[in-house]
N, C-alpha and C. Protein backbone atom coordinates (compact mmCIF):
# COMPACT_ATOMS: atom_id res chain seq x y z
N PRO A 1 102.72 56.61 123.17
CA PRO A 1 101.30 56.61 122.52
C PRO A 1 100.41 57.73 123.13
N GLY A 2 100.53 58.07 124.38
CA GLY A 2 99.77 59.03 124.99
C GLY A 2 100.20 60.55 124.86
N LEU A 3 101.18 60.60 124.47
CA LEU A 3 101.92 62.12 124.20
C LEU A 3 101.44 62.92 123.10
N ARG A 4 101.15 64.32 123.24
CA ARG A 4 100.76 64.97 122.13
C ARG A 4 101.77 65.15 121.01
N ARG A 5 103.03 65.07 121.41
CA ARG A 5 104.11 65.06 120.64
C ARG A 5 105.46 64.29 121.22
N ALA A 6 106.33 63.87 120.49
CA ALA A 6 107.53 63.30 121.05
C ALA A 6 108.25 64.36 121.78
N ILE A 7 108.73 63.68 122.95
CA ILE A 7 109.57 64.39 123.89
C ILE A 7 111.06 64.16 123.59
N ALA A 8 111.96 65.05 123.24
CA ALA A 8 113.20 64.73 122.80
C ALA A 8 114.00 65.52 123.75
N PRO A 9 115.06 64.74 124.27
CA PRO A 9 116.08 65.48 125.27
C PRO A 9 116.78 66.65 124.36
N LYS A 10 117.15 67.63 125.24
CA LYS A 10 117.79 68.83 124.49
C LYS A 10 119.28 68.95 125.00
N THR A 11 119.76 67.97 125.96
CA THR A 11 121.07 68.05 126.28
C THR A 11 121.54 66.65 126.46
N GLN A 12 122.74 66.39 126.48
CA GLN A 12 123.50 65.18 126.83
C GLN A 12 122.95 64.60 128.26
N GLY A 13 123.06 65.55 129.18
CA GLY A 13 122.55 65.15 130.54
C GLY A 13 121.13 64.68 130.48
N GLN A 14 120.33 65.34 129.72
CA GLN A 14 118.88 64.76 129.66
C GLN A 14 118.77 63.35 128.88
N ARG A 15 119.64 63.36 128.03
CA ARG A 15 119.59 61.97 127.20
C ARG A 15 119.95 60.82 128.29
N ASP A 16 120.96 61.05 128.98
CA ASP A 16 121.43 60.19 129.90
C ASP A 16 120.43 59.91 131.01
N TYR A 17 119.67 60.95 131.48
CA TYR A 17 118.68 60.65 132.39
C TYR A 17 117.46 59.78 131.80
N LEU A 18 117.00 60.26 130.56
CA LEU A 18 115.98 59.45 130.00
C LEU A 18 116.41 57.95 129.78
N GLN A 19 117.68 57.60 129.39
CA GLN A 19 118.11 56.26 129.32
C GLN A 19 118.26 55.56 130.55
N ALA A 20 118.50 56.35 131.65
CA ALA A 20 118.60 55.57 132.94
C ALA A 20 117.11 55.22 133.36
N ILE A 21 116.18 56.08 133.13
CA ILE A 21 114.81 55.80 133.40
C ILE A 21 114.35 54.68 132.48
N SER A 22 114.74 54.43 131.29
CA SER A 22 114.37 53.29 130.48
C SER A 22 115.08 52.09 130.90
N THR A 23 115.99 52.16 131.60
CA THR A 23 116.62 50.82 131.94
C THR A 23 116.88 50.49 133.42
N HIS A 24 116.36 51.40 134.25
CA HIS A 24 116.42 51.02 135.77
C HIS A 24 115.06 51.15 136.33
N ASP A 25 114.89 50.39 137.45
CA ASP A 25 113.50 50.47 138.17
C ASP A 25 113.51 51.79 139.16
N ILE A 26 114.55 52.23 139.58
CA ILE A 26 114.45 53.34 140.40
C ILE A 26 115.70 54.30 139.80
N VAL A 27 115.39 55.40 139.57
CA VAL A 27 116.10 56.43 139.08
C VAL A 27 116.07 57.70 139.98
N VAL A 28 117.29 58.15 140.54
CA VAL A 28 117.31 59.28 141.31
C VAL A 28 118.06 60.38 140.35
N GLY A 29 117.29 61.42 140.02
CA GLY A 29 117.63 62.62 139.26
C GLY A 29 117.78 63.79 140.28
N ILE A 30 119.11 64.21 140.27
CA ILE A 30 119.52 65.24 140.81
C ILE A 30 120.01 66.38 140.21
N GLY A 31 119.73 67.63 140.39
CA GLY A 31 120.18 68.70 139.66
C GLY A 31 119.45 70.05 139.81
N PRO A 32 119.97 71.05 139.36
CA PRO A 32 119.45 72.46 139.67
C PRO A 32 118.03 72.60 138.90
N ALA A 33 117.41 73.71 139.22
CA ALA A 33 116.09 74.15 138.63
C ALA A 33 116.39 74.30 137.06
N GLY A 34 115.18 73.85 136.33
CA GLY A 34 115.09 74.18 134.87
C GLY A 34 116.05 73.16 134.11
N THR A 35 116.38 72.01 134.62
CA THR A 35 117.02 71.01 134.03
C THR A 35 116.15 69.80 133.31
N GLY A 36 114.79 69.92 133.74
CA GLY A 36 113.74 69.12 133.10
C GLY A 36 113.59 67.70 134.00
N LYS A 37 114.03 67.70 135.24
CA LYS A 37 114.04 66.68 135.91
C LYS A 37 112.44 66.01 136.01
N THR A 38 111.65 66.76 136.50
CA THR A 38 110.16 66.48 136.50
C THR A 38 109.55 66.33 135.27
N TYR A 39 109.82 67.37 134.34
CA TYR A 39 109.15 67.33 132.96
C TYR A 39 109.51 65.90 132.28
N LEU A 40 110.80 65.46 132.23
CA LEU A 40 111.17 64.33 131.53
C LEU A 40 110.42 63.02 132.22
N ALA A 41 110.58 62.95 133.36
CA ALA A 41 110.01 61.91 134.22
C ALA A 41 108.49 61.59 133.79
N VAL A 42 107.78 62.71 133.82
CA VAL A 42 106.29 62.84 133.36
C VAL A 42 106.26 62.27 132.19
N ALA A 43 106.90 62.68 131.21
CA ALA A 43 107.03 62.26 129.68
C ALA A 43 107.15 60.85 129.79
N LYS A 44 108.16 60.21 130.45
CA LYS A 44 108.28 58.81 130.19
C LYS A 44 107.28 58.08 130.78
N ALA A 45 106.47 58.51 131.80
CA ALA A 45 105.45 57.87 132.49
C ALA A 45 104.19 57.89 131.46
N VAL A 46 103.91 59.01 130.86
CA VAL A 46 102.87 59.22 130.04
C VAL A 46 103.00 58.49 128.72
N GLU A 47 104.28 58.42 128.29
CA GLU A 47 104.83 57.64 126.85
C GLU A 47 104.45 56.00 127.37
N ALA A 48 104.79 55.58 128.64
CA ALA A 48 104.49 54.21 128.99
C ALA A 48 103.16 53.92 129.23
N GLY A 49 102.27 54.84 129.29
CA GLY A 49 100.81 54.65 129.53
C GLY A 49 100.50 53.80 130.83
N GLU A 50 101.43 53.90 131.81
CA GLU A 50 101.12 53.29 132.96
C GLU A 50 100.36 54.07 133.89
N SER A 51 99.88 53.47 135.02
CA SER A 51 99.31 54.30 136.26
C SER A 51 100.26 55.28 136.84
N LEU A 52 100.04 56.30 137.00
CA LEU A 52 101.05 57.65 137.45
C LEU A 52 100.79 58.03 138.66
N GLY A 53 101.69 58.04 139.54
CA GLY A 53 101.58 58.61 140.87
C GLY A 53 102.72 59.82 140.97
N PHE A 54 102.27 60.84 141.52
CA PHE A 54 103.07 61.91 141.91
C PHE A 54 102.95 62.18 143.48
N LEU A 55 104.22 62.18 144.10
CA LEU A 55 104.21 62.26 145.46
C LEU A 55 105.02 63.42 145.79
N PRO A 56 104.63 64.76 146.05
CA PRO A 56 105.30 65.81 146.54
C PRO A 56 106.17 65.44 147.96
N GLY A 57 107.30 65.75 147.68
CA GLY A 57 108.25 65.31 148.86
C GLY A 57 108.01 66.22 150.18
N ASP A 58 107.37 67.47 150.20
CA ASP A 58 107.11 68.28 151.26
C ASP A 58 105.70 67.84 151.77
N ILE A 59 105.43 67.26 152.93
CA ILE A 59 104.13 66.82 153.42
C ILE A 59 103.10 68.15 153.34
N GLN A 60 103.57 69.19 153.54
CA GLN A 60 102.71 70.37 153.94
C GLN A 60 102.22 70.96 152.61
N ALA A 61 102.81 70.45 151.51
CA ALA A 61 102.72 71.22 150.20
C ALA A 61 101.62 70.50 149.52
N LYS A 62 100.37 70.60 150.04
CA LYS A 62 99.23 70.05 149.27
C LYS A 62 98.48 71.02 148.36
N VAL A 63 98.83 72.21 148.37
CA VAL A 63 97.98 73.17 147.71
C VAL A 63 98.51 73.24 146.04
N ASP A 64 97.48 73.61 145.23
CA ASP A 64 97.57 73.59 143.86
C ASP A 64 98.81 74.48 143.39
N PRO A 65 99.12 75.59 143.90
CA PRO A 65 100.41 76.39 143.44
C PRO A 65 101.53 75.50 143.49
N TYR A 66 101.73 74.65 144.49
CA TYR A 66 102.83 73.96 144.61
C TYR A 66 102.92 72.75 143.59
N LEU A 67 101.61 72.31 143.34
CA LEU A 67 101.58 71.04 142.38
C LEU A 67 101.50 71.63 140.92
N ARG A 68 101.43 72.95 140.90
CA ARG A 68 101.22 73.41 139.34
C ARG A 68 102.32 72.81 138.26
N PRO A 69 103.59 72.65 138.73
CA PRO A 69 104.46 72.21 137.74
C PRO A 69 104.14 70.68 137.17
N LEU A 70 103.82 70.09 138.08
CA LEU A 70 103.03 68.71 137.73
C LEU A 70 101.90 68.64 136.66
N TYR A 71 100.81 69.54 137.00
CA TYR A 71 100.06 69.81 136.08
C TYR A 71 100.31 70.39 134.93
N ASP A 72 101.24 71.48 134.84
CA ASP A 72 101.60 71.93 133.64
C ASP A 72 102.33 71.02 132.61
N ALA A 73 103.27 70.08 133.39
CA ALA A 73 103.96 69.03 132.47
C ALA A 73 102.79 68.20 131.94
N LEU A 74 101.95 67.70 132.67
CA LEU A 74 100.76 66.74 132.21
C LEU A 74 100.13 67.39 131.00
N GLU A 75 99.66 68.93 131.26
CA GLU A 75 98.89 69.36 130.24
C GLU A 75 99.74 69.82 128.82
N ASP A 76 100.97 69.88 129.10
CA ASP A 76 101.78 69.98 127.88
C ASP A 76 101.85 68.87 127.07
N MET A 77 101.71 67.68 127.78
CA MET A 77 101.89 66.42 127.04
C MET A 77 100.41 65.73 126.49
N MET A 78 99.44 66.11 127.37
CA MET A 78 98.30 65.41 127.15
C MET A 78 97.05 66.56 127.17
N PRO A 79 95.97 66.43 126.40
CA PRO A 79 94.93 67.51 126.47
C PRO A 79 94.35 67.59 127.87
N HIS A 80 93.88 68.65 128.18
CA HIS A 80 93.29 69.10 129.51
C HIS A 80 92.26 68.07 129.89
N ASP A 81 91.35 67.80 129.02
CA ASP A 81 90.17 66.76 129.37
C ASP A 81 90.69 65.60 129.78
N ARG A 82 91.65 64.97 129.00
CA ARG A 82 92.31 63.73 129.20
C ARG A 82 93.07 63.79 130.52
N VAL A 83 93.72 64.75 131.05
CA VAL A 83 94.20 64.91 132.35
C VAL A 83 93.30 64.77 133.33
N GLN A 84 92.25 65.51 133.18
CA GLN A 84 91.12 65.53 134.07
C GLN A 84 90.41 64.20 134.43
N ARG A 85 90.22 63.45 133.31
CA ARG A 85 89.48 62.05 133.48
C ARG A 85 90.49 61.12 134.07
N ALA A 86 91.75 61.31 133.78
CA ALA A 86 92.73 60.43 134.44
C ALA A 86 92.84 60.65 135.82
N LEU A 87 92.70 61.96 136.34
CA LEU A 87 92.72 62.24 137.73
C LEU A 87 91.51 61.79 138.49
N GLU A 88 90.26 61.93 137.79
CA GLU A 88 89.06 61.44 138.21
C GLU A 88 88.90 59.84 138.28
N SER A 89 89.48 59.23 137.57
CA SER A 89 89.69 57.76 137.43
C SER A 89 90.73 57.21 138.30
N ARG A 90 91.43 58.11 138.69
CA ARG A 90 92.75 57.73 139.66
C ARG A 90 93.89 56.97 138.93
N THR A 91 93.72 57.09 137.53
CA THR A 91 94.84 56.65 136.66
C THR A 91 96.17 57.39 137.06
N ILE A 92 95.92 58.69 137.19
CA ILE A 92 96.82 59.53 137.74
C ILE A 92 96.47 60.14 139.11
N GLU A 93 97.30 59.68 139.94
CA GLU A 93 97.20 60.19 141.53
C GLU A 93 98.24 61.11 141.98
N ILE A 94 97.84 62.21 142.53
CA ILE A 94 98.76 63.12 142.96
C ILE A 94 98.45 63.28 144.56
N ALA A 95 99.48 62.83 145.37
CA ALA A 95 99.19 62.74 146.73
C ALA A 95 100.43 62.97 147.76
N PRO A 96 100.13 63.62 148.76
CA PRO A 96 101.29 64.00 149.94
C PRO A 96 101.98 62.67 150.15
N LEU A 97 103.20 62.68 150.37
CA LEU A 97 103.99 61.63 150.85
C LEU A 97 103.48 60.95 152.01
N ALA A 98 103.00 61.72 153.05
CA ALA A 98 102.43 61.20 154.33
C ALA A 98 101.40 60.01 153.99
N TYR A 99 100.66 60.21 153.05
CA TYR A 99 99.45 59.35 152.76
C TYR A 99 99.94 57.90 152.19
N MET A 100 101.28 57.73 152.02
CA MET A 100 101.80 56.59 151.17
C MET A 100 102.10 55.34 152.13
N ARG A 101 102.13 55.54 153.55
CA ARG A 101 102.54 54.75 154.44
C ARG A 101 101.57 53.68 154.40
N GLY A 102 102.29 52.26 154.22
CA GLY A 102 101.45 51.09 154.48
C GLY A 102 100.86 50.74 153.07
N ARG A 103 101.05 51.48 151.98
CA ARG A 103 100.69 51.07 150.64
C ARG A 103 101.76 50.39 149.91
N THR A 104 101.22 49.71 148.94
CA THR A 104 102.20 48.87 147.95
C THR A 104 101.64 49.55 146.67
N LEU A 105 102.73 50.10 145.97
CA LEU A 105 102.29 50.59 144.70
C LEU A 105 102.76 49.75 143.37
N ALA A 106 101.96 48.93 142.98
CA ALA A 106 102.16 47.95 142.04
C ALA A 106 101.73 48.43 140.51
N ASP A 107 102.32 47.87 139.66
CA ASP A 107 101.96 48.38 138.08
C ASP A 107 101.75 49.97 137.97
N ALA A 108 102.91 50.54 138.28
CA ALA A 108 102.64 51.98 138.45
C ALA A 108 103.96 52.60 138.08
N PHE A 109 103.95 53.80 137.71
CA PHE A 109 105.15 54.84 137.59
C PHE A 109 105.00 55.80 138.39
N ILE A 110 105.85 55.87 139.53
CA ILE A 110 105.69 56.72 140.68
C ILE A 110 106.89 57.84 140.61
N ILE A 111 106.44 59.09 140.89
CA ILE A 111 107.48 60.27 140.88
C ILE A 111 107.42 60.80 142.25
N LEU A 112 108.67 60.86 142.90
CA LEU A 112 108.59 61.63 144.14
C LEU A 112 109.39 62.93 143.77
N ASP A 113 108.75 64.09 143.69
CA ASP A 113 109.19 65.42 143.32
C ASP A 113 109.60 66.25 144.46
N GLU A 114 110.65 67.08 144.29
CA GLU A 114 111.02 67.94 145.31
C GLU A 114 111.59 66.96 146.52
N ALA A 115 112.21 65.87 146.18
CA ALA A 115 112.77 64.90 147.32
C ALA A 115 113.72 65.52 148.32
N GLN A 116 114.29 66.72 147.82
CA GLN A 116 115.26 67.09 148.86
C GLN A 116 114.73 67.47 150.01
N ASN A 117 113.39 67.72 150.14
CA ASN A 117 112.55 68.10 151.34
C ASN A 117 112.01 67.02 152.14
N ALA A 118 112.18 65.76 151.57
CA ALA A 118 111.82 64.65 152.24
C ALA A 118 112.87 64.20 153.39
N THR A 119 112.54 63.78 154.49
CA THR A 119 113.53 63.35 155.47
C THR A 119 113.95 62.06 155.17
N GLY A 120 115.00 61.61 155.71
CA GLY A 120 115.68 60.09 155.52
C GLY A 120 114.60 59.21 155.81
N ALA A 121 113.74 59.19 156.85
CA ALA A 121 112.74 58.44 157.19
C ALA A 121 111.68 58.36 156.16
N GLN A 122 111.23 59.63 155.68
CA GLN A 122 110.26 59.51 154.64
C GLN A 122 110.85 58.78 153.33
N MET A 123 111.99 59.21 152.78
CA MET A 123 112.54 58.61 151.82
C MET A 123 112.67 57.14 151.79
N LYS A 124 113.06 56.54 153.05
CA LYS A 124 112.99 55.07 153.11
C LYS A 124 111.59 54.60 152.96
N MET A 125 110.55 55.20 153.72
CA MET A 125 109.16 54.77 153.61
C MET A 125 108.58 54.78 152.06
N PHE A 126 108.94 55.94 151.42
CA PHE A 126 108.65 56.02 149.89
C PHE A 126 109.14 55.01 149.18
N LEU A 127 110.53 54.68 149.17
CA LEU A 127 111.23 53.68 148.35
C LEU A 127 110.79 52.33 148.61
N THR A 128 110.26 52.03 149.90
CA THR A 128 109.76 50.80 150.10
C THR A 128 108.40 50.50 149.86
N ARG A 129 107.94 51.36 149.19
CA ARG A 129 106.31 51.23 148.72
C ARG A 129 106.41 50.63 147.38
N LEU A 130 107.61 50.43 146.55
CA LEU A 130 107.59 49.93 145.28
C LEU A 130 107.03 48.42 145.19
N GLY A 131 106.11 48.41 144.38
CA GLY A 131 105.62 46.97 144.20
C GLY A 131 106.04 46.32 142.88
N VAL A 132 105.22 45.16 142.52
CA VAL A 132 105.56 44.57 141.39
C VAL A 132 105.33 45.31 140.01
N ASN A 133 106.31 45.27 139.04
CA ASN A 133 106.03 45.87 137.84
C ASN A 133 105.91 47.52 137.86
N SER A 134 106.69 47.93 138.85
CA SER A 134 106.43 49.42 138.99
C SER A 134 107.92 50.05 138.91
N GLN A 135 107.86 51.17 138.66
CA GLN A 135 108.98 52.02 138.53
C GLN A 135 109.08 53.45 139.29
N THR A 136 110.09 53.82 139.69
CA THR A 136 110.09 55.15 140.51
C THR A 136 111.31 56.01 139.97
N VAL A 137 110.95 57.36 139.78
CA VAL A 137 111.89 58.24 139.67
C VAL A 137 111.63 59.28 140.84
N VAL A 138 112.82 59.47 141.39
CA VAL A 138 113.07 60.47 142.52
C VAL A 138 113.75 61.79 141.96
N THR A 139 113.15 62.94 142.20
CA THR A 139 113.93 64.15 141.60
C THR A 139 114.01 65.17 142.69
N GLY A 140 115.02 65.89 142.60
CA GLY A 140 115.49 66.84 143.67
C GLY A 140 116.62 67.61 143.30
N ASP A 141 116.74 68.77 144.11
CA ASP A 141 117.74 69.89 143.82
C ASP A 141 118.46 70.05 145.24
N LYS A 142 119.72 69.59 145.42
CA LYS A 142 120.32 69.67 146.69
C LYS A 142 120.55 71.15 147.18
N THR A 143 120.49 72.08 146.12
CA THR A 143 120.74 73.56 146.61
C THR A 143 119.35 74.13 146.98
N GLN A 144 118.39 73.42 147.07
CA GLN A 144 117.01 74.01 147.66
C GLN A 144 116.45 73.22 148.71
N ILE A 145 117.26 72.63 149.58
CA ILE A 145 116.99 72.03 150.79
C ILE A 145 116.41 73.03 151.79
N ASP A 146 114.95 72.73 152.16
CA ASP A 146 114.34 73.65 153.23
C ASP A 146 114.38 73.01 154.60
N LEU A 147 114.83 72.03 154.83
CA LEU A 147 114.95 71.24 156.02
C LEU A 147 115.90 72.08 156.99
N PRO A 148 115.57 72.08 158.37
CA PRO A 148 116.72 72.79 159.32
C PRO A 148 118.15 72.49 158.93
N ARG A 149 118.38 71.14 158.83
CA ARG A 149 119.77 70.63 158.68
C ARG A 149 119.88 69.91 157.40
N ARG A 150 120.81 70.34 156.51
CA ARG A 150 121.00 69.53 155.38
C ARG A 150 121.07 68.11 155.29
N GLU A 151 121.81 67.64 156.19
CA GLU A 151 122.05 66.15 156.67
C GLU A 151 120.93 65.42 156.61
N ASP A 152 119.68 65.99 157.09
CA ASP A 152 118.42 65.40 157.36
C ASP A 152 117.73 65.11 156.07
N SER A 153 118.16 65.70 154.92
CA SER A 153 117.60 65.40 153.69
C SER A 153 117.73 63.89 153.26
N GLY A 154 116.46 63.39 152.87
CA GLY A 154 116.37 62.18 152.42
C GLY A 154 117.10 62.11 151.04
N LEU A 155 117.13 62.95 150.28
CA LEU A 155 117.86 62.87 149.06
C LEU A 155 119.39 62.84 149.24
N VAL A 156 119.99 63.61 150.16
CA VAL A 156 121.42 63.51 150.50
C VAL A 156 121.64 62.18 151.03
N GLN A 157 120.88 61.58 151.94
CA GLN A 157 120.93 60.26 152.56
C GLN A 157 121.00 59.08 151.47
N VAL A 158 119.88 59.17 150.70
CA VAL A 158 119.79 58.09 149.58
C VAL A 158 121.07 58.09 148.53
N GLU A 159 121.57 59.28 148.54
CA GLU A 159 122.86 59.43 147.54
C GLU A 159 124.04 58.65 148.42
N ARG A 160 123.85 58.72 149.66
CA ARG A 160 125.07 58.17 150.31
C ARG A 160 124.84 56.56 150.69
N VAL A 161 123.56 56.14 150.90
CA VAL A 161 123.30 54.79 151.08
C VAL A 161 123.12 53.77 149.94
N LEU A 162 122.50 54.32 148.78
CA LEU A 162 122.06 53.30 147.76
C LEU A 162 123.04 53.12 146.64
N PRO A 163 123.92 53.95 146.24
CA PRO A 163 124.90 53.60 145.28
C PRO A 163 125.44 52.19 145.09
N GLY A 164 125.41 51.51 144.01
CA GLY A 164 125.92 50.23 143.87
C GLY A 164 124.90 49.11 143.95
N ILE A 165 123.69 49.57 144.32
CA ILE A 165 122.62 48.56 144.23
C ILE A 165 122.07 48.43 142.73
N GLU A 166 122.11 47.26 142.37
CA GLU A 166 121.70 47.02 140.85
C GLU A 166 120.26 47.33 140.55
N GLY A 167 119.79 48.19 139.73
CA GLY A 167 118.48 48.47 139.34
C GLY A 167 118.17 49.84 139.99
N ILE A 168 119.20 50.55 140.48
CA ILE A 168 119.08 51.78 141.00
C ILE A 168 120.00 52.79 140.15
N ALA A 169 119.73 53.85 139.57
CA ALA A 169 120.62 54.63 138.86
C ALA A 169 120.57 56.10 139.47
N PHE A 170 121.68 56.75 139.54
CA PHE A 170 121.62 58.18 139.92
C PHE A 170 122.17 58.90 138.74
N CYS A 171 121.40 59.97 138.34
CA CYS A 171 121.65 60.75 137.23
C CYS A 171 121.82 62.24 137.92
N TYR A 172 122.92 62.73 137.36
CA TYR A 172 123.32 64.18 137.80
C TYR A 172 123.11 64.96 136.60
N LEU A 173 122.22 66.17 136.71
CA LEU A 173 121.99 67.23 135.92
C LEU A 173 122.87 68.39 136.20
N HIS A 174 123.39 69.21 135.35
CA HIS A 174 124.20 70.27 135.71
C HIS A 174 123.48 71.64 135.04
N GLU A 175 124.25 72.82 135.36
CA GLU A 175 123.86 74.12 134.82
C GLU A 175 123.82 74.02 133.27
N THR A 176 124.54 73.15 132.81
CA THR A 176 124.67 73.12 131.26
C THR A 176 123.51 72.40 130.80
N ASP A 177 122.54 71.69 131.77
CA ASP A 177 121.22 71.04 131.37
C ASP A 177 120.18 72.01 131.42
N VAL A 178 120.42 73.12 131.86
CA VAL A 178 119.22 74.08 132.09
C VAL A 178 118.56 74.43 130.80
N VAL A 179 117.26 74.25 130.64
CA VAL A 179 116.63 74.46 129.25
C VAL A 179 115.63 75.68 129.36
N ARG A 180 115.57 76.31 130.50
CA ARG A 180 114.74 77.63 130.66
C ARG A 180 115.50 78.72 130.20
N HIS A 181 114.98 79.90 130.52
CA HIS A 181 115.72 81.07 130.16
C HIS A 181 117.11 81.09 130.21
N ARG A 182 117.88 81.78 129.23
CA ARG A 182 119.48 81.67 129.45
C ARG A 182 120.06 82.29 130.78
N LEU A 183 119.08 83.27 131.30
CA LEU A 183 119.57 83.74 132.56
C LEU A 183 119.53 82.90 133.75
N VAL A 184 118.62 81.88 133.68
CA VAL A 184 118.41 80.79 134.56
C VAL A 184 119.90 80.35 134.90
N ARG A 185 120.56 79.83 133.75
CA ARG A 185 121.86 79.19 133.98
C ARG A 185 122.79 80.15 134.66
N GLU A 186 122.72 81.39 134.27
CA GLU A 186 123.73 82.39 134.82
C GLU A 186 123.28 82.63 136.29
N ILE A 187 122.02 82.60 136.61
CA ILE A 187 121.74 82.70 138.14
C ILE A 187 122.36 81.70 139.04
N ILE A 188 122.06 80.36 138.54
CA ILE A 188 122.45 79.09 138.99
C ILE A 188 123.96 79.03 139.35
N ARG A 189 124.67 79.51 138.24
CA ARG A 189 126.26 79.72 138.38
C ARG A 189 126.56 80.69 139.45
N ALA A 190 125.95 82.04 139.41
CA ALA A 190 126.21 83.04 140.40
C ALA A 190 126.11 82.62 141.70
N TYR A 191 124.84 81.92 142.06
CA TYR A 191 124.68 81.46 143.28
C TYR A 191 125.71 80.32 143.93
N ALA A 192 126.05 79.36 142.85
CA ALA A 192 126.98 78.45 143.16
C ALA A 192 128.49 79.06 143.52
N GLU A 193 128.59 80.05 142.73
CA GLU A 193 129.92 80.65 143.08
C GLU A 193 129.90 81.38 144.29
N ASP A 194 128.89 82.04 144.73
CA ASP A 194 128.84 82.77 146.10
C ASP A 194 128.78 81.70 147.09
N GLN A 195 128.07 80.60 146.88
CA GLN A 195 128.05 79.64 148.02
C GLN A 195 129.47 78.81 148.38
N ASN A 196 130.24 78.71 147.27
CA ASN A 196 131.60 78.20 147.13
C ASN A 196 132.77 79.08 147.60
N GLY A 197 132.12 80.41 147.94
CA GLY A 197 133.30 81.22 148.50
C GLY A 197 133.71 82.23 147.29
């Protein structure tokens, strides 16, 4: 109802991701840049018309340039003035992960973006904020972990700890799901090949 236009998946991976969001309370979307992880999560939240929270995974990243992808996705789906009103009324809240401690997020659609840079403790704290009638989508790219040690990533840890829990889905997007410029897919492939020796 709140979308400017219907958002349609462009790949099978995106279809599977949207289906998981429609049928699970917690979805972890893992994949490379340009696969639509954040964009499609925002679309599902706007479509649902629920209260919407964005929680950047990196606590230090409070500045607008970091949050720009979230604003861009919102403004692609909703008129600018409607986005501004939603921010002012706190229907949409964009907050650093550190500010979530002690909160219960009920009747909300919460997106933890760039989760590869949340620590294991931060990830646990975030996931345990889930309140009644809420849904969470966690997005991340394991090739873009900025933490000193890869194993400290909450995204890596959640992938190890939570599979098999009913109501939680893991969706993996791949280079074939990249919907940006055709060269982005080639760049991702080249870096993967270099990393794999």
